[in-house]
N, C-alpha and C. Protein backbone atom coordinates (compact mmCIF):
# COMPACT_ATOMS: atom_id res chain seq x y z
N UNK A 1 90.27 58.53 72.63
CA UNK A 1 88.96 58.33 73.10
C UNK A 1 88.25 59.75 73.29
N UNK A 2 87.02 59.86 72.70
CA UNK A 2 86.35 61.13 72.79
C UNK A 2 85.94 61.34 74.26
N UNK A 3 86.02 62.57 74.67
CA UNK A 3 85.55 62.97 76.00
C UNK A 3 84.17 63.52 76.05
N UNK A 4 83.32 63.24 76.94
CA UNK A 4 82.12 63.89 77.14
C UNK A 4 82.21 65.01 78.13
N UNK A 5 81.88 66.27 77.64
CA UNK A 5 82.12 67.57 78.53
C UNK A 5 80.77 68.02 79.05
N UNK A 6 80.93 68.58 80.27
CA UNK A 6 79.75 69.11 80.94
C UNK A 6 80.22 70.37 81.63
N UNK A 7 79.86 71.54 81.30
CA UNK A 7 80.21 72.75 81.88
C UNK A 7 79.50 73.07 83.19
N UNK A 8 80.17 73.50 84.20
CA UNK A 8 79.59 73.94 85.44
C UNK A 8 80.34 75.11 85.93
N UNK A 9 79.75 76.28 85.91
CA UNK A 9 80.34 77.49 86.40
C UNK A 9 81.60 77.66 85.60
N UNK A 10 82.85 77.64 86.27
CA UNK A 10 84.06 77.85 85.64
C UNK A 10 84.95 76.70 85.60
N UNK A 11 84.28 75.46 85.59
CA UNK A 11 84.97 74.24 85.57
C UNK A 11 84.45 73.31 84.50
N UNK A 12 85.36 72.64 83.77
CA UNK A 12 84.91 71.71 82.74
C UNK A 12 85.14 70.27 83.37
N UNK A 13 84.16 69.42 83.30
CA UNK A 13 84.27 68.07 83.74
C UNK A 13 84.65 67.10 82.69
N UNK A 14 85.83 66.40 82.79
CA UNK A 14 86.27 65.43 81.78
C UNK A 14 85.92 64.05 82.29
N UNK A 15 85.07 63.33 81.66
CA UNK A 15 84.48 62.06 82.16
C UNK A 15 85.68 61.01 82.28
N UNK A 16 86.24 60.72 81.22
CA UNK A 16 87.30 59.65 81.28
C UNK A 16 88.53 60.05 80.36
N UNK A 17 89.65 59.69 80.77
CA UNK A 17 90.88 59.78 79.87
C UNK A 17 91.88 58.85 80.43
N UNK A 18 92.79 58.41 79.52
CA UNK A 18 93.84 57.50 79.83
C UNK A 18 94.95 58.19 80.65
N UNK A 19 95.56 57.56 81.61
CA UNK A 19 96.57 58.14 82.39
C UNK A 19 97.73 57.23 82.49
N UNK A 20 98.94 57.60 82.11
CA UNK A 20 100.14 56.79 82.21
C UNK A 20 100.61 56.75 83.70
N UNK A 21 100.86 55.54 84.20
CA UNK A 21 101.29 55.31 85.63
C UNK A 21 102.49 54.42 85.48
N UNK A 22 103.16 54.13 86.68
CA UNK A 22 104.28 53.25 86.73
C UNK A 22 103.78 51.81 86.49
N UNK A 23 104.57 51.06 85.63
CA UNK A 23 104.28 49.65 85.35
C UNK A 23 104.44 48.85 86.67
N UNK A 24 103.43 48.00 87.02
CA UNK A 24 103.47 47.16 88.15
C UNK A 24 102.86 45.84 87.88
N UNK A 25 102.98 44.92 88.91
CA UNK A 25 102.28 43.70 88.69
C UNK A 25 100.73 43.87 88.59
N UNK A 26 100.23 44.87 89.37
CA UNK A 26 98.84 45.21 89.32
C UNK A 26 98.39 45.88 88.02
N UNK A 27 99.33 46.59 87.44
CA UNK A 27 98.99 47.32 86.22
C UNK A 27 100.16 47.10 85.27
N UNK A 28 100.31 45.98 84.56
CA UNK A 28 101.47 45.73 83.70
C UNK A 28 101.42 46.59 82.47
N UNK A 29 100.29 47.18 82.03
CA UNK A 29 100.32 48.02 80.87
C UNK A 29 100.85 49.49 81.07
N UNK A 30 100.87 49.81 82.39
CA UNK A 30 101.21 51.24 82.73
C UNK A 30 100.17 52.30 82.26
N UNK A 31 99.03 51.84 81.96
CA UNK A 31 97.96 52.81 81.64
C UNK A 31 96.75 52.49 82.53
N UNK A 32 96.07 53.50 82.99
CA UNK A 32 94.86 53.41 83.73
C UNK A 32 93.94 54.41 83.23
N UNK A 33 92.63 54.36 83.57
CA UNK A 33 91.69 55.30 83.20
C UNK A 33 91.29 56.15 84.37
N UNK A 34 91.35 57.48 84.32
CA UNK A 34 91.00 58.34 85.38
C UNK A 34 89.64 58.93 85.08
N UNK A 35 88.73 58.88 86.01
CA UNK A 35 87.32 59.27 85.89
C UNK A 35 87.15 60.71 86.51
N UNK A 36 86.46 61.63 85.79
CA UNK A 36 85.93 62.78 86.27
C UNK A 36 86.86 63.62 87.15
N UNK A 37 87.77 64.38 86.47
CA UNK A 37 88.58 65.40 87.24
C UNK A 37 88.27 66.74 86.77
N UNK A 38 88.74 67.79 87.44
CA UNK A 38 88.40 69.12 87.13
C UNK A 38 89.54 69.77 86.42
N UNK A 39 89.13 70.41 85.25
CA UNK A 39 90.14 71.19 84.47
C UNK A 39 89.66 72.72 84.44
N UNK A 40 90.53 73.59 84.78
CA UNK A 40 90.13 75.06 84.87
C UNK A 40 89.93 75.55 83.49
N UNK A 41 88.84 76.39 83.36
CA UNK A 41 88.57 77.10 82.10
C UNK A 41 89.44 78.23 81.98
N UNK A 42 89.68 78.75 80.72
CA UNK A 42 90.55 79.90 80.58
C UNK A 42 89.98 81.12 81.30
N UNK A 43 90.83 81.88 81.86
CA UNK A 43 90.46 83.13 82.63
C UNK A 43 90.13 82.95 84.05
N UNK A 44 90.27 81.75 84.50
CA UNK A 44 89.94 81.53 85.96
C UNK A 44 91.16 81.04 86.72
N UNK A 45 92.29 81.13 86.04
CA UNK A 45 93.59 80.74 86.75
C UNK A 45 94.77 81.24 86.07
N UNK A 46 95.84 81.34 86.82
CA UNK A 46 97.14 81.85 86.16
C UNK A 46 98.26 80.80 86.67
N UNK A 47 99.09 80.47 85.66
CA UNK A 47 100.33 79.71 85.97
C UNK A 47 101.49 80.74 86.09
N UNK A 48 102.73 80.20 86.34
CA UNK A 48 103.88 81.01 86.39
C UNK A 48 104.09 81.60 85.00
N UNK A 49 103.87 80.75 84.01
CA UNK A 49 104.20 81.19 82.58
C UNK A 49 103.08 82.26 82.25
N UNK A 50 101.80 82.03 82.68
CA UNK A 50 100.81 83.08 82.33
C UNK A 50 101.16 84.37 82.93
N UNK A 51 101.56 84.45 84.10
CA UNK A 51 101.92 85.68 84.93
C UNK A 51 102.94 86.44 84.02
N UNK A 52 103.98 85.75 83.58
CA UNK A 52 105.10 86.43 82.89
C UNK A 52 104.57 86.88 81.55
N UNK A 53 103.79 86.08 80.89
CA UNK A 53 103.25 86.53 79.54
C UNK A 53 102.34 87.65 79.59
N UNK A 54 101.40 87.72 80.55
CA UNK A 54 100.40 88.79 80.68
C UNK A 54 101.18 90.04 80.97
N UNK A 55 102.13 90.10 81.88
CA UNK A 55 102.82 91.25 82.19
C UNK A 55 103.67 91.85 80.90
N UNK A 56 104.31 90.84 80.23
CA UNK A 56 105.11 91.28 79.11
C UNK A 56 104.23 91.98 78.03
N UNK A 57 103.00 91.44 77.81
CA UNK A 57 102.16 91.90 76.70
C UNK A 57 101.03 92.86 77.16
N UNK A 58 101.10 93.34 78.39
CA UNK A 58 100.03 94.16 78.89
C UNK A 58 99.94 95.63 78.27
N UNK A 59 98.81 96.07 77.99
CA UNK A 59 98.60 97.39 77.41
C UNK A 59 98.79 98.41 78.47
N UNK A 60 99.87 99.26 78.36
CA UNK A 60 100.28 100.18 79.40
C UNK A 60 99.61 101.57 79.20
N UNK A 61 98.98 101.73 78.03
CA UNK A 61 98.51 103.11 77.66
C UNK A 61 97.60 103.84 78.64
N UNK A 62 96.77 103.06 79.40
CA UNK A 62 95.79 103.75 80.28
C UNK A 62 96.00 103.36 81.72
N UNK A 63 97.07 102.86 82.06
CA UNK A 63 97.36 102.44 83.38
C UNK A 63 97.44 103.56 84.39
N UNK A 64 96.98 103.31 85.66
CA UNK A 64 97.04 104.22 86.74
C UNK A 64 98.29 103.70 87.57
N UNK A 65 99.30 104.52 87.73
CA UNK A 65 100.53 104.09 88.48
C UNK A 65 100.45 104.59 89.85
N UNK A 66 101.13 104.01 90.80
CA UNK A 66 101.24 104.60 92.13
C UNK A 66 102.12 105.80 92.14
N UNK A 67 101.96 106.60 93.15
CA UNK A 67 102.82 107.81 93.30
C UNK A 67 104.23 107.32 93.19
N UNK A 68 105.05 108.11 92.45
CA UNK A 68 106.41 107.79 92.34
C UNK A 68 107.37 107.99 93.58
N UNK A 69 106.74 108.38 94.62
CA UNK A 69 107.48 108.69 95.86
C UNK A 69 108.20 107.36 96.39
N UNK A 70 109.46 107.41 96.59
CA UNK A 70 110.25 106.18 96.94
C UNK A 70 110.00 105.90 98.46
N UNK A 71 109.39 106.65 99.27
CA UNK A 71 109.05 106.33 100.57
C UNK A 71 110.29 106.11 101.47
N UNK A 72 111.42 106.68 101.00
CA UNK A 72 112.73 106.56 101.76
C UNK A 72 113.36 105.22 101.68
N UNK A 73 112.89 104.39 100.66
CA UNK A 73 113.41 103.12 100.52
C UNK A 73 114.29 103.03 99.21
N UNK A 74 115.39 102.47 99.17
CA UNK A 74 116.28 102.38 98.03
C UNK A 74 115.58 101.89 96.82
N UNK A 75 114.70 100.90 96.99
CA UNK A 75 113.93 100.25 95.91
C UNK A 75 112.58 100.69 95.79
N UNK A 76 112.20 101.81 96.36
CA UNK A 76 110.81 102.27 96.53
C UNK A 76 110.05 102.48 95.25
N UNK A 77 110.77 102.75 94.10
CA UNK A 77 110.05 102.89 92.75
C UNK A 77 110.27 101.79 91.86
N UNK A 78 111.02 100.74 92.25
CA UNK A 78 111.31 99.71 91.37
C UNK A 78 110.22 98.79 90.83
N UNK A 79 109.10 98.81 91.64
CA UNK A 79 108.04 97.88 91.30
C UNK A 79 106.77 98.54 90.87
N UNK A 80 106.84 99.86 90.61
CA UNK A 80 105.63 100.68 90.27
C UNK A 80 104.86 100.15 89.09
N UNK A 81 105.62 99.69 88.04
CA UNK A 81 104.89 99.18 86.88
C UNK A 81 104.21 97.81 87.12
N UNK A 82 104.90 96.98 87.85
CA UNK A 82 104.33 95.68 88.25
C UNK A 82 103.06 95.97 89.04
N UNK A 83 103.17 96.81 89.94
CA UNK A 83 101.95 97.21 90.85
C UNK A 83 100.75 97.65 89.93
N UNK A 84 101.16 98.60 89.03
CA UNK A 84 100.07 99.23 88.18
C UNK A 84 99.45 98.22 87.23
N UNK A 85 100.23 97.33 86.70
CA UNK A 85 99.68 96.27 85.74
C UNK A 85 98.66 95.26 86.52
N UNK A 86 99.17 94.90 87.64
CA UNK A 86 98.32 93.78 88.22
C UNK A 86 97.20 94.37 89.05
N UNK A 87 97.28 95.57 89.45
CA UNK A 87 96.11 96.31 90.10
C UNK A 87 94.97 96.50 89.06
N UNK A 88 95.47 96.92 87.82
CA UNK A 88 94.47 97.09 86.79
C UNK A 88 93.86 95.74 86.30
N UNK A 89 94.72 94.75 86.28
CA UNK A 89 94.25 93.39 85.75
C UNK A 89 93.22 92.88 86.75
N UNK A 90 93.40 92.93 87.99
CA UNK A 90 92.45 92.38 88.96
C UNK A 90 91.27 93.30 89.23
N UNK A 91 91.40 94.55 89.05
CA UNK A 91 90.27 95.44 89.06
C UNK A 91 89.28 95.04 87.94
N UNK A 92 89.85 94.72 86.79
CA UNK A 92 88.89 94.36 85.60
C UNK A 92 88.49 92.97 85.80
N UNK A 93 89.33 92.12 86.35
CA UNK A 93 88.93 90.70 86.49
C UNK A 93 87.72 90.53 87.49
N UNK A 94 87.63 91.31 88.52
CA UNK A 94 86.69 91.25 89.57
C UNK A 94 85.65 92.33 89.32
N UNK A 95 85.77 93.18 88.33
CA UNK A 95 84.85 94.24 88.09
C UNK A 95 84.35 95.02 89.30
N UNK A 96 85.36 95.51 90.05
CA UNK A 96 85.21 96.07 91.35
C UNK A 96 84.42 97.39 91.24
N UNK A 97 83.36 97.54 92.08
CA UNK A 97 82.64 98.85 92.20
C UNK A 97 83.59 99.97 92.75
N UNK A 98 84.32 99.58 93.70
CA UNK A 98 85.26 100.56 94.29
C UNK A 98 86.74 99.99 93.99
N UNK A 99 87.28 100.34 92.80
CA UNK A 99 88.59 99.76 92.41
C UNK A 99 89.75 99.96 93.42
N UNK A 100 90.56 98.98 93.50
CA UNK A 100 91.79 98.99 94.34
C UNK A 100 92.69 100.03 93.67
N UNK A 101 93.28 100.92 94.51
CA UNK A 101 94.21 101.86 93.88
C UNK A 101 95.61 101.33 94.12
N UNK A 102 96.52 101.62 93.10
CA UNK A 102 97.93 101.16 93.24
C UNK A 102 98.66 101.72 94.47
N UNK A 103 98.23 102.84 94.92
CA UNK A 103 98.94 103.44 96.09
C UNK A 103 98.72 102.52 97.37
N UNK A 104 97.65 101.81 97.40
CA UNK A 104 97.29 100.94 98.51
C UNK A 104 98.26 99.77 98.43
N UNK A 105 98.52 99.21 97.33
CA UNK A 105 99.38 98.09 97.12
C UNK A 105 100.86 98.48 97.49
N UNK A 106 101.18 99.67 97.00
CA UNK A 106 102.57 100.23 97.22
C UNK A 106 102.82 100.39 98.68
N UNK A 107 101.91 100.96 99.36
CA UNK A 107 102.03 101.26 100.83
C UNK A 107 102.03 99.90 101.59
N UNK A 108 101.24 98.88 101.14
CA UNK A 108 101.19 97.64 101.82
C UNK A 108 102.65 97.03 101.65
N UNK A 109 103.18 97.08 100.46
CA UNK A 109 104.52 96.38 100.33
C UNK A 109 105.58 97.16 101.11
N UNK A 110 105.40 98.44 101.21
CA UNK A 110 106.41 99.18 102.13
C UNK A 110 106.23 98.78 103.51
N UNK A 111 105.03 98.55 103.96
CA UNK A 111 104.87 98.17 105.33
C UNK A 111 105.27 96.71 105.61
N UNK A 112 105.17 95.89 104.61
CA UNK A 112 105.36 94.42 104.75
C UNK A 112 106.89 94.12 104.68
N UNK A 113 107.54 94.73 103.74
CA UNK A 113 108.92 94.33 103.50
C UNK A 113 109.92 95.45 103.21
N UNK A 114 109.45 96.65 103.19
CA UNK A 114 110.33 97.73 102.73
C UNK A 114 110.93 97.50 101.41
N UNK A 115 110.14 96.92 100.45
CA UNK A 115 110.51 96.66 99.17
C UNK A 115 111.73 95.63 99.01
N UNK A 116 112.04 94.93 100.04
CA UNK A 116 113.07 93.90 100.00
C UNK A 116 112.42 92.58 99.47
N UNK A 117 113.13 91.82 98.69
CA UNK A 117 112.57 90.64 98.05
C UNK A 117 112.38 89.57 99.05
N UNK A 118 113.03 89.55 100.09
CA UNK A 118 112.89 88.51 101.15
C UNK A 118 113.39 88.92 102.46
N UNK A 119 112.70 89.85 103.22
CA UNK A 119 113.14 90.37 104.49
C UNK A 119 113.38 89.24 105.48
N UNK A 120 114.51 89.28 106.24
CA UNK A 120 114.85 88.18 107.14
C UNK A 120 114.12 88.05 108.39
N UNK A 121 113.36 89.20 108.74
CA UNK A 121 112.74 89.27 110.02
C UNK A 121 111.67 88.23 110.26
N UNK A 122 110.91 87.85 109.23
CA UNK A 122 109.72 86.95 109.31
C UNK A 122 110.18 85.57 108.78
N UNK A 123 110.10 84.62 109.63
CA UNK A 123 110.39 83.27 109.23
C UNK A 123 109.16 82.46 108.71
N UNK A 124 107.96 83.05 108.92
CA UNK A 124 106.74 82.38 108.47
C UNK A 124 106.41 82.68 107.08
N UNK A 125 106.47 84.05 106.71
CA UNK A 125 106.09 84.62 105.41
C UNK A 125 107.32 84.78 104.58
N UNK A 126 107.02 84.84 103.20
CA UNK A 126 108.21 84.99 102.32
C UNK A 126 107.85 86.00 101.30
N UNK A 127 108.98 86.66 100.84
CA UNK A 127 108.92 87.53 99.66
C UNK A 127 108.52 89.04 99.97
N UNK A 128 108.45 89.76 98.86
CA UNK A 128 108.20 91.28 99.05
C UNK A 128 106.85 91.54 99.61
N UNK A 129 105.90 90.63 99.42
CA UNK A 129 104.59 90.85 99.94
C UNK A 129 104.24 89.91 101.15
N UNK A 130 105.22 89.21 101.68
CA UNK A 130 105.15 88.38 102.83
C UNK A 130 103.93 87.47 102.80
N UNK A 131 103.97 86.60 101.91
CA UNK A 131 102.93 85.61 101.78
C UNK A 131 103.30 84.27 102.42
N UNK A 132 102.36 83.75 103.31
CA UNK A 132 102.72 82.55 104.05
C UNK A 132 102.45 81.37 103.17
N UNK A 133 103.10 80.22 103.80
CA UNK A 133 102.82 78.96 103.07
C UNK A 133 101.33 78.57 102.99
N UNK A 134 100.58 78.85 104.04
CA UNK A 134 99.16 78.60 104.00
C UNK A 134 98.42 79.39 102.96
N UNK A 135 98.79 80.64 102.89
CA UNK A 135 98.16 81.55 101.91
C UNK A 135 98.46 81.10 100.53
N UNK A 136 99.71 80.69 100.20
CA UNK A 136 100.01 80.24 98.93
C UNK A 136 99.24 78.99 98.60
N UNK A 137 99.03 78.11 99.57
CA UNK A 137 98.30 76.86 99.29
C UNK A 137 96.76 77.26 99.03
N UNK A 138 96.26 78.18 99.80
CA UNK A 138 94.93 78.66 99.66
C UNK A 138 94.66 79.18 98.21
N UNK A 139 95.63 80.04 97.75
CA UNK A 139 95.56 80.67 96.38
C UNK A 139 95.67 79.74 95.28
N UNK A 140 95.99 78.47 95.53
CA UNK A 140 96.14 77.44 94.51
C UNK A 140 95.08 76.29 94.70
N UNK A 141 94.17 76.43 95.56
CA UNK A 141 93.20 75.38 95.91
C UNK A 141 92.00 75.53 95.06
N UNK A 142 91.74 74.67 94.14
CA UNK A 142 90.57 74.83 93.16
C UNK A 142 89.15 74.58 93.94
N UNK A 143 89.33 74.05 95.13
CA UNK A 143 88.10 73.88 95.89
C UNK A 143 87.98 74.83 97.19
N UNK A 144 88.90 75.67 97.27
CA UNK A 144 89.01 76.56 98.45
C UNK A 144 88.36 77.87 98.37
N UNK A 145 88.66 78.87 99.21
CA UNK A 145 87.98 80.10 99.31
C UNK A 145 88.35 81.01 98.09
N UNK A 146 89.36 80.72 97.35
CA UNK A 146 89.63 81.57 96.15
C UNK A 146 89.38 80.82 94.87
N UNK A 147 88.41 79.80 94.96
CA UNK A 147 88.29 78.97 93.80
C UNK A 147 87.81 79.62 92.54
N UNK A 148 87.19 80.85 92.72
CA UNK A 148 86.72 81.58 91.47
C UNK A 148 87.89 82.00 90.60
N UNK A 149 89.04 82.20 91.26
CA UNK A 149 90.22 82.54 90.47
C UNK A 149 91.45 82.14 91.27
N UNK A 150 92.17 81.18 90.80
CA UNK A 150 93.34 80.64 91.51
C UNK A 150 94.67 80.74 90.67
N UNK A 151 95.74 80.47 91.27
CA UNK A 151 97.07 80.24 90.67
C UNK A 151 97.47 78.80 90.75
N UNK A 152 98.31 78.33 89.90
CA UNK A 152 98.82 77.01 90.03
C UNK A 152 100.26 76.92 89.54
N UNK A 153 100.93 75.86 90.03
CA UNK A 153 102.35 75.57 89.73
C UNK A 153 103.27 76.78 90.30
N UNK A 154 102.79 77.27 91.39
CA UNK A 154 103.62 78.36 92.07
C UNK A 154 104.26 77.71 93.33
N UNK A 155 105.62 77.82 93.40
CA UNK A 155 106.25 77.19 94.50
C UNK A 155 106.60 78.29 95.58
N UNK A 156 107.02 77.86 96.63
CA UNK A 156 107.39 78.80 97.72
C UNK A 156 108.56 79.63 97.34
N UNK A 157 109.54 79.00 96.60
CA UNK A 157 110.66 79.81 96.21
C UNK A 157 110.35 80.80 95.19
N UNK A 158 109.22 80.64 94.45
CA UNK A 158 108.82 81.66 93.48
C UNK A 158 108.28 82.95 94.11
N UNK A 159 108.04 82.87 95.40
CA UNK A 159 107.65 84.07 96.06
C UNK A 159 108.74 85.06 96.31
N UNK A 160 109.98 84.59 96.18
CA UNK A 160 111.17 85.45 96.21
C UNK A 160 111.18 86.44 94.96
N UNK A 161 110.43 86.09 93.94
CA UNK A 161 110.42 86.92 92.76
C UNK A 161 109.31 87.88 92.82
N UNK A 162 109.59 89.20 92.94
CA UNK A 162 108.47 90.14 92.97
C UNK A 162 107.43 90.10 91.85
N UNK A 163 107.99 89.79 90.67
CA UNK A 163 107.09 89.54 89.46
C UNK A 163 105.92 88.56 89.78
N UNK A 164 106.22 87.63 90.62
CA UNK A 164 105.17 86.62 91.08
C UNK A 164 104.41 86.97 92.24
N UNK A 165 105.27 87.44 93.28
CA UNK A 165 104.63 87.69 94.56
C UNK A 165 103.60 88.85 94.52
N UNK A 166 103.86 89.85 93.69
CA UNK A 166 102.95 91.00 93.64
C UNK A 166 101.53 90.76 93.07
N UNK A 167 101.48 90.02 91.97
CA UNK A 167 100.10 89.62 91.56
C UNK A 167 99.37 88.71 92.50
N UNK A 168 100.14 87.72 93.20
CA UNK A 168 99.45 86.79 94.19
C UNK A 168 98.86 87.75 95.35
N UNK A 169 99.62 88.75 95.80
CA UNK A 169 99.22 89.57 96.89
C UNK A 169 98.05 90.47 96.53
N UNK A 170 98.06 90.90 95.34
CA UNK A 170 96.77 91.77 94.92
C UNK A 170 95.58 90.96 94.77
N UNK A 171 95.73 89.69 94.23
CA UNK A 171 94.51 88.80 94.26
C UNK A 171 94.06 88.47 95.56
N UNK A 172 94.99 88.29 96.62
CA UNK A 172 94.69 88.05 98.04
C UNK A 172 94.07 89.25 98.68
N UNK A 173 94.44 90.38 98.28
CA UNK A 173 93.77 91.63 98.86
C UNK A 173 92.27 91.59 98.38
N UNK A 174 92.01 91.23 97.23
CA UNK A 174 90.56 91.21 96.91
C UNK A 174 89.78 90.24 97.80
N UNK A 175 90.43 89.08 98.07
CA UNK A 175 89.81 88.04 98.86
C UNK A 175 89.70 88.55 100.36
N UNK A 176 90.74 89.24 100.80
CA UNK A 176 90.72 89.77 102.16
C UNK A 176 89.67 90.90 102.34
N UNK A 177 89.40 91.68 101.28
CA UNK A 177 88.29 92.65 101.32
C UNK A 177 86.97 92.00 101.50
N UNK A 178 86.76 90.86 100.77
CA UNK A 178 85.54 90.17 100.87
C UNK A 178 85.36 89.57 102.33
N UNK A 179 86.45 89.07 102.81
CA UNK A 179 86.37 88.51 104.17
C UNK A 179 86.14 89.55 105.29
N UNK A 180 86.78 90.71 105.11
CA UNK A 180 86.63 91.84 106.09
C UNK A 180 85.13 92.30 106.01
N UNK A 181 84.60 92.32 104.83
CA UNK A 181 83.17 92.68 104.73
C UNK A 181 82.19 91.76 105.49
N UNK A 182 82.59 90.38 105.39
CA UNK A 182 81.75 89.42 106.06
C UNK A 182 81.86 89.51 107.61
N UNK A 183 83.11 89.87 108.02
CA UNK A 183 83.30 89.92 109.48
C UNK A 183 82.75 91.20 110.05
N UNK A 184 82.86 92.31 109.31
CA UNK A 184 82.43 93.56 109.93
C UNK A 184 81.01 93.93 109.58
N UNK A 185 80.38 93.21 108.71
CA UNK A 185 78.95 93.50 108.29
C UNK A 185 78.75 94.83 107.63
N UNK A 186 79.83 95.42 107.13
CA UNK A 186 79.77 96.66 106.32
C UNK A 186 80.93 96.68 105.30
N UNK A 187 80.79 97.58 104.40
CA UNK A 187 81.95 97.72 103.48
C UNK A 187 83.23 98.26 104.17
N UNK A 188 84.27 97.43 104.06
CA UNK A 188 85.45 97.78 104.81
C UNK A 188 86.29 99.00 104.28
N UNK A 189 86.92 99.71 105.10
CA UNK A 189 87.75 100.81 104.76
C UNK A 189 89.07 100.22 104.24
N UNK A 190 89.85 101.07 103.60
CA UNK A 190 91.18 100.62 103.15
C UNK A 190 92.01 99.96 104.32
N UNK A 191 91.94 100.71 105.41
CA UNK A 191 92.84 100.27 106.62
C UNK A 191 92.30 98.95 107.12
N UNK A 192 91.03 98.69 107.09
CA UNK A 192 90.47 97.44 107.52
C UNK A 192 90.81 96.28 106.66
N UNK A 193 90.84 96.61 105.33
CA UNK A 193 91.29 95.59 104.41
C UNK A 193 92.79 95.21 104.68
N UNK A 194 93.56 96.22 104.82
CA UNK A 194 95.06 96.00 105.08
C UNK A 194 95.17 95.17 106.40
N UNK A 195 94.46 95.50 107.44
CA UNK A 195 94.61 94.74 108.74
C UNK A 195 94.11 93.32 108.53
N UNK A 196 93.13 93.00 107.70
CA UNK A 196 92.78 91.70 107.39
C UNK A 196 93.84 90.93 106.61
N UNK A 197 94.45 91.58 105.70
CA UNK A 197 95.57 91.01 104.96
C UNK A 197 96.65 90.59 105.94
N UNK A 198 96.95 91.37 106.96
CA UNK A 198 97.89 91.16 107.89
C UNK A 198 97.50 90.27 109.01
N UNK A 199 96.17 89.82 108.94
CA UNK A 199 95.78 88.88 109.99
C UNK A 199 95.51 89.58 111.31
N UNK A 200 95.17 90.85 111.31
CA UNK A 200 95.10 91.61 112.50
C UNK A 200 93.80 92.36 112.68
N UNK A 201 92.79 92.12 111.77
CA UNK A 201 91.49 92.84 111.89
C UNK A 201 90.89 92.80 113.21
N UNK A 202 90.84 91.61 113.79
CA UNK A 202 90.16 91.48 115.09
C UNK A 202 91.12 91.41 116.24
N UNK A 203 92.41 91.82 116.02
CA UNK A 203 93.35 91.62 117.04
C UNK A 203 93.14 92.84 118.09
N UNK A 204 93.51 92.45 119.30
CA UNK A 204 93.42 93.49 120.40
C UNK A 204 94.87 93.79 120.92
N UNK A 205 95.84 93.45 120.20
CA UNK A 205 97.31 93.57 120.61
C UNK A 205 97.81 94.87 120.13
N UNK A 206 98.98 95.31 120.66
CA UNK A 206 99.73 96.38 120.24
C UNK A 206 100.21 96.23 118.83
N UNK A 207 100.44 95.01 118.38
CA UNK A 207 100.93 94.72 117.07
C UNK A 207 100.07 95.31 116.06
N UNK A 208 98.68 95.20 116.31
CA UNK A 208 97.76 95.82 115.38
C UNK A 208 98.00 97.27 115.10
N UNK A 209 98.09 98.07 116.20
CA UNK A 209 98.38 99.50 116.07
C UNK A 209 99.65 99.80 115.49
N UNK A 210 100.61 99.02 115.62
CA UNK A 210 102.03 99.22 115.12
C UNK A 210 102.03 99.01 113.56
N UNK A 211 101.37 97.88 113.23
CA UNK A 211 101.23 97.54 111.78
C UNK A 211 100.39 98.54 111.04
N UNK A 212 99.27 99.04 111.64
CA UNK A 212 98.38 99.95 110.91
C UNK A 212 99.13 101.29 110.82
N UNK A 213 99.84 101.71 111.83
CA UNK A 213 100.53 102.99 111.82
C UNK A 213 101.62 102.98 110.66
N UNK A 214 102.27 101.77 110.52
CA UNK A 214 103.37 101.66 109.51
C UNK A 214 102.72 101.82 108.04
N UNK A 215 101.59 101.10 107.90
CA UNK A 215 100.88 101.30 106.61
C UNK A 215 100.36 102.73 106.41
N UNK A 216 99.84 103.31 107.46
CA UNK A 216 99.23 104.67 107.32
C UNK A 216 100.25 105.67 106.97
N UNK A 217 101.42 105.61 107.55
CA UNK A 217 102.49 106.58 107.24
C UNK A 217 102.88 106.57 105.78
N UNK A 218 103.09 105.37 105.36
CA UNK A 218 103.42 105.23 103.85
C UNK A 218 102.30 105.62 102.95
N UNK A 219 101.03 105.23 103.36
CA UNK A 219 99.93 105.51 102.46
C UNK A 219 99.65 107.07 102.36
N UNK A 220 99.74 107.72 103.50
CA UNK A 220 99.53 109.12 103.51
C UNK A 220 100.59 109.91 102.67
N UNK A 221 101.88 109.42 102.66
CA UNK A 221 102.83 110.01 101.81
C UNK A 221 102.53 109.85 100.32
N UNK A 222 102.00 108.65 100.06
CA UNK A 222 101.63 108.37 98.57
C UNK A 222 100.38 109.20 98.18
N UNK A 223 99.64 109.55 99.10
CA UNK A 223 98.36 110.37 98.79
C UNK A 223 98.60 111.80 98.53
N UNK A 224 99.84 112.27 98.88
CA UNK A 224 100.19 113.67 98.56
C UNK A 224 100.64 113.81 97.12
N UNK A 225 100.17 114.76 96.52
CA UNK A 225 100.45 115.03 95.18
C UNK A 225 101.71 115.92 95.01
């Protein structure tokens, strides 16, 4: 059955298509017709397979890498290439006027997990970039706040893989920057974006100072040549 297509922003509307369902008394043929659902256009979403393919085939010739300082962590340099690739990817994807620097991402990871794939201290967030269940849901919601660029088919257990968790975190950083700008009514500083990522931008608690100081120590070390 031919489909009638109508483009709207980054979504293609498919009017009708057959859908196989479980055979029942109500539907003995096992086929129903689904009307008008949304299909993402290329370049506006990434699946698990897409993430792996992009990283494998990425052009490394002009990448900016984070400072190779290990920051006193055993695995401190292990993810530098992943950080470099996905920082470059999303800087290009969002055409940022003030591009995100890989040092920011590396210092964030150091402050979130100490480069451990699943630190045991936090029972709410998971993985090297400490992404919560709600954040993962938001990053995959085609109608939510990150609808201009989403992920799909990413499970919570996939967050234990730094190859997956790092690109999700970098995309989330871009969203957090936009949110910090809305809240503060000015272009946010690096530290303000990090605080928004950690959910502490408007916090009045000691936890805010502790978290910021942790990030700041690592970031300042990376800024040294």
